[in-house]
Amino acid sequence: MKEENIPLLVKNQLNKAITETIAFHKAAFVHPAANFSRKRKLDIETMIKLLISMRGGSIDKELQSEKKRQLAVFIMASENSI
Protein backbone atom coordinates (compact mmCIF):
# COMPACT_ATOMS: atom_id res chain seq x y z
CA MET A 1 0.00 0.00 0.00
CA LYS A 2 1.32 3.42 -0.92
CA GLU A 3 1.67 6.08 1.79
CA GLU A 4 -0.44 8.62 -0.12
CA ASN A 5 -3.41 6.24 0.00
CA ILE A 6 -3.52 6.08 3.81
CA PRO A 7 -5.31 9.45 4.32
CA LEU A 8 -7.85 8.50 1.66
CA LEU A 9 -8.44 5.13 3.33
CA VAL A 10 -8.93 6.77 6.72
CA LYS A 11 -11.33 9.32 5.23
CA ASN A 12 -13.31 6.60 3.47
CA GLN A 13 -13.55 4.52 6.67
CA LEU A 14 -14.70 7.56 8.64
CA ASN A 15 -17.36 8.39 6.04
CA LYS A 16 -18.49 4.75 6.07
CA ALA A 17 -18.81 4.82 9.88
CA ILE A 18 -20.82 8.07 9.74
CA THR A 19 -23.12 6.63 7.07
CA GLU A 20 -23.67 3.44 9.09
CA THR A 21 -24.40 5.45 12.24
CA ILE A 22 -26.97 7.55 10.40
CA ALA A 23 -28.56 4.44 8.90
CA PHE A 24 -28.98 2.93 12.35
CA HIS A 25 -29.74 6.19 14.16
CA LYS A 26 -32.63 4.69 16.09
CA ALA A 27 -30.14 2.56 17.98
CA ALA A 28 -27.51 5.32 18.20
CA PHE A 29 -29.54 8.11 19.83
CA VAL A 30 -31.17 8.32 23.24
CA HIS A 31 -34.46 9.75 21.86
CA PRO A 32 -34.60 8.55 18.24
CA ALA A 33 -38.14 9.80 17.67
CA ALA A 34 -37.15 13.35 18.61
CA ASN A 35 -33.48 13.61 17.59
CA PHE A 36 -33.08 15.04 14.10
CA SER A 37 -36.70 14.36 13.25
CA ARG A 38 -37.51 17.93 12.14
CA LYS A 39 -36.05 19.66 9.12
CA ARG A 40 -32.99 21.56 10.31
CA LYS A 41 -30.45 23.80 8.60
CA LEU A 42 -27.78 21.20 9.32
CA ASP A 43 -28.64 17.58 8.76
CA ILE A 44 -27.18 14.88 10.98
CA GLU A 45 -24.37 13.98 8.54
CA THR A 46 -23.22 17.60 8.28
CA MET A 47 -23.42 18.02 12.05
CA ILE A 48 -21.29 14.92 12.72
CA LYS A 49 -18.67 15.95 10.16
CA LEU A 50 -18.62 19.51 11.53
CA LEU A 51 -18.06 18.29 15.09
CA ILE A 52 -15.30 15.91 14.00
CA SER A 53 -13.53 18.63 12.03
CA MET A 54 -13.55 21.18 14.87
CA ARG A 55 -10.10 22.32 15.88
CA GLY A 56 -10.74 22.76 19.57
CA GLY A 57 -12.82 25.91 19.17
CA SER A 58 -16.38 26.49 20.24
CA ILE A 59 -19.26 25.51 17.98
CA ASP A 60 -20.05 29.21 17.48
CA LYS A 61 -16.50 29.90 16.26
CA GLU A 62 -16.63 26.94 13.89
CA LEU A 63 -19.99 27.99 12.45
CA GLN A 64 -18.78 31.57 11.97
CA SER A 65 -15.60 30.40 10.22
CA GLU A 66 -17.67 28.10 7.98
CA LYS A 67 -19.90 31.04 7.01
CA LYS A 68 -16.78 33.04 6.13
CA ARG A 69 -15.43 30.18 4.00
CA GLN A 70 -18.76 29.85 2.17
CA LEU A 71 -18.89 33.60 1.57
CA ALA A 72 -15.34 33.60 0.17
CA VAL A 73 -16.21 30.73 -2.20
CA PHE A 74 -19.35 32.59 -3.31
CA ILE A 75 -17.41 35.81 -3.95
CA MET A 76 -14.71 33.99 -5.92
CA ALA A 77 -17.35 32.18 -8.01
CA SER A 78 -19.14 35.49 -8.66
CA GLU A 79 -15.91 37.18 -9.74
CA ASN A 80 -15.07 34.32 -12.09
CA SER A 81 -18.50 34.46 -13.76
CA ILE A 82 -18.16 38.18 -14.60
C-alpha atoms as a PDB file:
ATOM      1  CA  MET A   1       0.000   0.000   0.000  1.00  0.00           C
ATOM      2  CA  LYS A   2       1.316   3.424  -0.921  1.00  0.00           C
ATOM      3  CA  GLU A   3       1.669   6.079   1.788  1.00  0.00           C
ATOM      4  CA  GLU A   4      -0.439   8.620  -0.122  1.00  0.00           C
ATOM      5  CA  ASN A   5      -3.411   6.239  -0.003  1.00  0.00           C
ATOM      6  CA  ILE A   6      -3.524   6.084   3.812  1.00  0.00           C
ATOM      7  CA  PRO A   7      -5.309   9.449   4.318  1.00  0.00           C
ATOM      8  CA  LEU A   8      -7.849   8.495   1.657  1.00  0.00           C
ATOM      9  CA  LEU A   9      -8.442   5.126   3.328  1.00  0.00           C
ATOM     10  CA  VAL A  10      -8.925   6.773   6.721  1.00  0.00           C
ATOM     11  CA  LYS A  11     -11.331   9.321   5.226  1.00  0.00           C
ATOM     12  CA  ASN A  12     -13.314   6.595   3.474  1.00  0.00           C
ATOM     13  CA  GLN A  13     -13.547   4.521   6.673  1.00  0.00           C
ATOM     14  CA  LEU A  14     -14.704   7.560   8.642  1.00  0.00           C
ATOM     15  CA  ASN A  15     -17.361   8.395   6.040  1.00  0.00           C
ATOM     16  CA  LYS A  16     -18.492   4.755   6.071  1.00  0.00           C
ATOM     17  CA  ALA A  17     -18.809   4.820   9.877  1.00  0.00           C
ATOM     18  CA  ILE A  18     -20.815   8.065   9.738  1.00  0.00           C
ATOM     19  CA  THR A  19     -23.118   6.632   7.067  1.00  0.00           C
ATOM     20  CA  GLU A  20     -23.675   3.441   9.089  1.00  0.00           C
ATOM     21  CA  THR A  21     -24.405   5.454  12.236  1.00  0.00           C
ATOM     22  CA  ILE A  22     -26.968   7.547  10.401  1.00  0.00           C
ATOM     23  CA  ALA A  23     -28.564   4.436   8.896  1.00  0.00           C
ATOM     24  CA  PHE A  24     -28.976   2.934  12.352  1.00  0.00           C
ATOM     25  CA  HIS A  25     -29.738   6.192  14.164  1.00  0.00           C
ATOM     26  CA  LYS A  26     -32.634   4.687  16.090  1.00  0.00           C
ATOM     27  CA  ALA A  27     -30.138   2.559  17.983  1.00  0.00           C
ATOM     28  CA  ALA A  28     -27.510   5.321  18.201  1.00  0.00           C
ATOM     29  CA  PHE A  29     -29.545   8.114  19.826  1.00  0.00           C
ATOM     30  CA  VAL A  30     -31.174   8.320  23.243  1.00  0.00           C
ATOM     31  CA  HIS A  31     -34.455   9.754  21.864  1.00  0.00           C
ATOM     32  CA  PRO A  32     -34.595   8.545  18.237  1.00  0.00           C
ATOM     33  CA  ALA A  33     -38.135   9.800  17.671  1.00  0.00           C
ATOM     34  CA  ALA A  34     -37.153  13.347  18.607  1.00  0.00           C
ATOM     35  CA  ASN A  35     -33.478  13.606  17.590  1.00  0.00           C
ATOM     36  CA  PHE A  36     -33.076  15.044  14.104  1.00  0.00           C
ATOM     37  CA  SER A  37     -36.702  14.355  13.255  1.00  0.00           C
ATOM     38  CA  ARG A  38     -37.505  17.927  12.142  1.00  0.00           C
ATOM     39  CA  LYS A  39     -36.050  19.664   9.121  1.00  0.00           C
ATOM     40  CA  ARG A  40     -32.986  21.563  10.305  1.00  0.00           C
ATOM     41  CA  LYS A  41     -30.451  23.796   8.599  1.00  0.00           C
ATOM     42  CA  LEU A  42     -27.781  21.203   9.321  1.00  0.00           C
ATOM     43  CA  ASP A  43     -28.643  17.580   8.761  1.00  0.00           C
ATOM     44  CA  ILE A  44     -27.178  14.885  10.976  1.00  0.00           C
ATOM     45  CA  GLU A  45     -24.373  13.979   8.538  1.00  0.00           C
ATOM     46  CA  THR A  46     -23.218  17.598   8.276  1.00  0.00           C
ATOM     47  CA  MET A  47     -23.425  18.018  12.054  1.00  0.00           C
ATOM     48  CA  ILE A  48     -21.295  14.918  12.717  1.00  0.00           C
ATOM     49  CA  LYS A  49     -18.668  15.951  10.162  1.00  0.00           C
ATOM     50  CA  LEU A  50     -18.616  19.505  11.535  1.00  0.00           C
ATOM     51  CA  LEU A  51     -18.056  18.290  15.094  1.00  0.00           C
ATOM     52  CA  ILE A  52     -15.304  15.909  13.997  1.00  0.00           C
ATOM     53  CA  SER A  53     -13.531  18.627  12.028  1.00  0.00           C
ATOM     54  CA  MET A  54     -13.553  21.181  14.868  1.00  0.00           C
ATOM     55  CA  ARG A  55     -10.101  22.323  15.876  1.00  0.00           C
ATOM     56  CA  GLY A  56     -10.744  22.763  19.568  1.00  0.00           C
ATOM     57  CA  GLY A  57     -12.818  25.914  19.168  1.00  0.00           C
ATOM     58  CA  SER A  58     -16.378  26.492  20.235  1.00  0.00           C
ATOM     59  CA  ILE A  59     -19.264  25.511  17.976  1.00  0.00           C
ATOM     60  CA  ASP A  60     -20.047  29.207  17.485  1.00  0.00           C
ATOM     61  CA  LYS A  61     -16.495  29.899  16.258  1.00  0.00           C
ATOM     62  CA  GLU A  62     -16.632  26.942  13.888  1.00  0.00           C
ATOM     63  CA  LEU A  63     -19.995  27.988  12.449  1.00  0.00           C
ATOM     64  CA  GLN A  64     -18.780  31.568  11.971  1.00  0.00           C
ATOM     65  CA  SER A  65     -15.604  30.404  10.218  1.00  0.00           C
ATOM     66  CA  GLU A  66     -17.669  28.104   7.977  1.00  0.00           C
ATOM     67  CA  LYS A  67     -19.899  31.040   7.009  1.00  0.00           C
ATOM     68  CA  LYS A  68     -16.779  33.043   6.132  1.00  0.00           C
ATOM     69  CA  ARG A  69     -15.433  30.175   4.000  1.00  0.00           C
ATOM     70  CA  GLN A  70     -18.757  29.845   2.171  1.00  0.00           C
ATOM     71  CA  LEU A  71     -18.890  33.604   1.566  1.00  0.00           C
ATOM     72  CA  ALA A  72     -15.339  33.599   0.166  1.00  0.00           C
ATOM     73  CA  VAL A  73     -16.215  30.731  -2.202  1.00  0.00           C
ATOM     74  CA  PHE A  74     -19.351  32.585  -3.314  1.00  0.00           C
ATOM     75  CA  ILE A  75     -17.409  35.808  -3.945  1.00  0.00           C
ATOM     76  CA  MET A  76     -14.706  33.986  -5.921  1.00  0.00           C
ATOM     77  CA  ALA A  77     -17.346  32.185  -8.011  1.00  0.00           C
ATOM     78  CA  SER A  78     -19.140  35.487  -8.661  1.00  0.00           C
ATOM     79  CA  GLU A  79     -15.910  37.178  -9.738  1.00  0.00           C
ATOM     80  CA  ASN A  80     -15.070  34.317 -12.085  1.00  0.00           C
ATOM     81  CA  SER A  81     -18.504  34.463 -13.757  1.00  0.00           C
ATOM     82  CA  ILE A  82     -18.156  38.176 -14.599  1.00  0.00           C
END
